[in-house]
Amino acid sequence: MALGADTLEALRDELLKARAKGVRTLQINGERVEYKTDAEMAAAIADLEARIKRASSHTPGIVRFRASKGF
């Protein structure tokens, strides 16, 4: 199940707030997540940023080619 860009952004924002406060344990959607180091939190934030970028990028559904010999 893929999460939407809005959901991913909300998760990233919560993680950034916790990191800024120096909190290493988060309660998100009933799940408790504990990060042992700041590097783990930074990696989680970077992963969320990459997922947000992929989720918000637009890829065309149809590509049409038109060719002519110039006659």
N, C-alpha and C. Protein backbone atom coordinates (compact mmCIF):
# COMPACT_ATOMS: atom_id res chain seq x y z
N MET A 1 0.83 -1.17 0.00
CA MET A 1 0.00 0.00 0.00
C MET A 1 0.88 1.24 0.00
N ALA A 2 0.72 2.03 -1.02
CA ALA A 2 1.53 3.24 -1.15
C ALA A 2 0.85 4.39 -0.42
N LEU A 3 1.63 5.15 0.28
CA LEU A 3 1.12 6.31 1.00
C LEU A 3 1.19 7.53 0.09
N GLY A 4 0.23 8.42 0.24
CA GLY A 4 0.21 9.63 -0.56
C GLY A 4 1.24 10.64 -0.08
N ALA A 5 1.52 11.61 -0.92
CA ALA A 5 2.51 12.63 -0.59
C ALA A 5 2.10 13.41 0.66
N ASP A 6 0.80 13.67 0.84
CA ASP A 6 0.34 14.42 2.02
C ASP A 6 0.61 13.66 3.31
N THR A 7 0.36 12.35 3.29
CA THR A 7 0.60 11.51 4.46
C THR A 7 2.09 11.45 4.77
N LEU A 8 2.90 11.29 3.74
CA LEU A 8 4.35 11.24 3.93
C LEU A 8 4.89 12.55 4.49
N GLU A 9 4.34 13.67 4.00
CA GLU A 9 4.77 14.98 4.50
C GLU A 9 4.40 15.15 5.97
N ALA A 10 3.23 14.66 6.37
CA ALA A 10 2.81 14.75 7.77
C ALA A 10 3.75 13.91 8.65
N LEU A 11 4.11 12.73 8.20
CA LEU A 11 5.04 11.88 8.95
C LEU A 11 6.41 12.54 9.08
N ARG A 12 6.88 13.14 7.97
CA ARG A 12 8.17 13.83 7.99
C ARG A 12 8.15 14.99 8.96
N ASP A 13 7.05 15.75 8.95
CA ASP A 13 6.94 16.91 9.84
C ASP A 13 6.97 16.48 11.31
N GLU A 14 6.27 15.39 11.64
CA GLU A 14 6.28 14.89 13.02
C GLU A 14 7.69 14.45 13.42
N LEU A 15 8.38 13.80 12.51
CA LEU A 15 9.74 13.33 12.79
C LEU A 15 10.70 14.51 12.96
N LEU A 16 10.53 15.54 12.14
CA LEU A 16 11.38 16.74 12.26
C LEU A 16 11.14 17.47 13.59
N LYS A 17 9.87 17.55 14.01
CA LYS A 17 9.55 18.20 15.28
C LYS A 17 10.20 17.44 16.44
N ALA A 18 10.09 16.11 16.40
CA ALA A 18 10.66 15.29 17.47
C ALA A 18 12.17 15.44 17.49
N ARG A 19 12.79 15.45 16.33
CA ARG A 19 14.25 15.58 16.26
C ARG A 19 14.71 16.93 16.80
N ALA A 20 13.95 17.98 16.47
CA ALA A 20 14.30 19.32 16.96
C ALA A 20 14.19 19.41 18.48
N LYS A 21 13.25 18.67 19.06
CA LYS A 21 13.08 18.67 20.51
C LYS A 21 14.06 17.74 21.21
N GLY A 22 14.75 16.90 20.44
CA GLY A 22 15.68 15.95 21.03
C GLY A 22 15.02 14.67 21.50
N VAL A 23 13.80 14.44 21.06
CA VAL A 23 13.05 13.24 21.44
C VAL A 23 13.44 12.10 20.51
N ARG A 24 13.69 10.93 21.08
CA ARG A 24 14.09 9.77 20.28
C ARG A 24 12.98 8.73 20.14
N THR A 25 11.89 8.89 20.88
CA THR A 25 10.79 7.94 20.84
C THR A 25 9.53 8.65 20.37
N LEU A 26 8.87 8.07 19.36
CA LEU A 26 7.66 8.65 18.79
C LEU A 26 6.51 7.66 18.87
N GLN A 27 5.31 8.18 19.00
CA GLN A 27 4.10 7.37 18.95
C GLN A 27 3.32 7.85 17.73
N ILE A 28 3.33 7.05 16.66
CA ILE A 28 2.67 7.44 15.42
C ILE A 28 1.69 6.34 15.04
N ASN A 29 0.42 6.71 14.89
CA ASN A 29 -0.64 5.78 14.50
C ASN A 29 -0.68 4.54 15.39
N GLY A 30 -0.49 4.72 16.66
CA GLY A 30 -0.55 3.61 17.60
C GLY A 30 0.70 2.77 17.66
N GLU A 31 1.71 3.10 16.89
CA GLU A 31 2.97 2.37 16.91
C GLU A 31 4.04 3.21 17.59
N ARG A 32 4.84 2.55 18.41
CA ARG A 32 5.94 3.22 19.10
C ARG A 32 7.23 2.95 18.32
N VAL A 33 7.89 4.03 17.95
CA VAL A 33 9.14 3.92 17.20
C VAL A 33 10.23 4.60 18.02
N GLU A 34 11.34 3.89 18.21
CA GLU A 34 12.46 4.44 18.98
C GLU A 34 13.71 4.45 18.11
N TYR A 35 14.33 5.60 18.01
CA TYR A 35 15.57 5.76 17.26
C TYR A 35 16.72 5.79 18.25
N LYS A 36 17.73 4.98 18.00
CA LYS A 36 18.86 4.90 18.93
C LYS A 36 19.83 6.06 18.77
N THR A 37 19.99 6.54 17.54
CA THR A 37 20.93 7.64 17.29
C THR A 37 20.28 8.71 16.42
N ASP A 38 20.92 9.87 16.40
CA ASP A 38 20.46 10.94 15.53
C ASP A 38 20.66 10.56 14.06
N ALA A 39 21.67 9.76 13.78
CA ALA A 39 21.91 9.32 12.40
C ALA A 39 20.74 8.47 11.88
N GLU A 40 20.15 7.66 12.74
CA GLU A 40 18.98 6.87 12.34
C GLU A 40 17.80 7.78 12.00
N MET A 41 17.61 8.81 12.80
CA MET A 41 16.53 9.76 12.52
C MET A 41 16.79 10.50 11.21
N ALA A 42 18.03 10.90 11.00
CA ALA A 42 18.38 11.60 9.76
C ALA A 42 18.15 10.70 8.55
N ALA A 43 18.47 9.42 8.67
CA ALA A 43 18.25 8.48 7.57
C ALA A 43 16.75 8.31 7.31
N ALA A 44 15.95 8.27 8.36
CA ALA A 44 14.50 8.14 8.21
C ALA A 44 13.92 9.38 7.52
N ILE A 45 14.41 10.55 7.89
CA ILE A 45 13.94 11.79 7.27
C ILE A 45 14.35 11.82 5.80
N ALA A 46 15.57 11.42 5.49
CA ALA A 46 16.03 11.39 4.10
C ALA A 46 15.19 10.41 3.27
N ASP A 47 14.85 9.27 3.86
CA ASP A 47 14.02 8.29 3.16
C ASP A 47 12.63 8.86 2.89
N LEU A 48 12.06 9.55 3.87
CA LEU A 48 10.75 10.17 3.66
C LEU A 48 10.81 11.26 2.59
N GLU A 49 11.88 12.03 2.58
CA GLU A 49 12.04 13.07 1.54
C GLU A 49 12.07 12.44 0.15
N ALA A 50 12.80 11.34 -0.01
CA ALA A 50 12.87 10.65 -1.30
C ALA A 50 11.51 10.10 -1.70
N ARG A 51 10.79 9.53 -0.73
CA ARG A 51 9.46 9.00 -1.03
C ARG A 51 8.48 10.10 -1.41
N ILE A 52 8.59 11.25 -0.75
CA ILE A 52 7.73 12.39 -1.09
C ILE A 52 8.02 12.86 -2.51
N LYS A 53 9.28 12.92 -2.85
CA LYS A 53 9.67 13.36 -4.20
C LYS A 53 9.11 12.41 -5.26
N ARG A 54 9.22 11.09 -5.00
CA ARG A 54 8.69 10.12 -5.95
C ARG A 54 7.17 10.18 -6.03
N ALA A 55 6.51 10.37 -4.89
CA ALA A 55 5.05 10.38 -4.87
C ALA A 55 4.47 11.63 -5.53
N SER A 56 5.21 12.73 -5.49
CA SER A 56 4.68 13.97 -6.03
C SER A 56 5.13 14.24 -7.47
N SER A 57 6.01 13.40 -8.00
CA SER A 57 6.44 13.62 -9.39
C SER A 57 5.38 13.09 -10.34
N HIS A 58 5.18 13.81 -11.40
CA HIS A 58 4.18 13.42 -12.38
C HIS A 58 4.84 12.66 -13.52
N THR A 59 4.35 11.49 -13.79
CA THR A 59 4.84 10.71 -14.92
C THR A 59 3.72 10.60 -15.94
N PRO A 60 4.02 10.83 -17.20
CA PRO A 60 2.96 10.77 -18.21
C PRO A 60 2.45 9.34 -18.38
N GLY A 61 1.16 9.21 -18.57
CA GLY A 61 0.56 7.90 -18.77
C GLY A 61 0.69 7.42 -20.20
N ILE A 62 0.67 8.35 -21.16
CA ILE A 62 0.73 7.98 -22.58
C ILE A 62 1.79 8.84 -23.26
N VAL A 63 2.61 8.20 -24.06
CA VAL A 63 3.61 8.91 -24.85
C VAL A 63 3.30 8.58 -26.31
N ARG A 64 3.10 9.60 -27.12
CA ARG A 64 2.78 9.39 -28.53
C ARG A 64 3.93 9.91 -29.39
N PHE A 65 4.29 9.11 -30.36
CA PHE A 65 5.33 9.49 -31.29
C PHE A 65 4.69 9.74 -32.65
N ARG A 66 5.23 10.72 -33.36
CA ARG A 66 4.76 11.02 -34.70
C ARG A 66 5.99 11.18 -35.57
N ALA A 67 6.06 10.42 -36.62
CA ALA A 67 7.21 10.46 -37.50
C ALA A 67 6.77 10.76 -38.93
N SER A 68 7.66 11.39 -39.67
CA SER A 68 7.36 11.73 -41.06
C SER A 68 8.65 11.66 -41.86
N LYS A 69 8.53 11.31 -43.12
CA LYS A 69 9.70 11.27 -43.99
C LYS A 69 9.95 12.64 -44.63
N GLY A 70 9.08 13.57 -44.38
CA GLY A 70 9.29 14.92 -44.87
C GLY A 70 8.72 15.17 -46.25
N PHE A 71 7.87 14.29 -46.73
CA PHE A 71 7.25 14.50 -48.06
C PHE A 71 6.06 15.37 -47.96
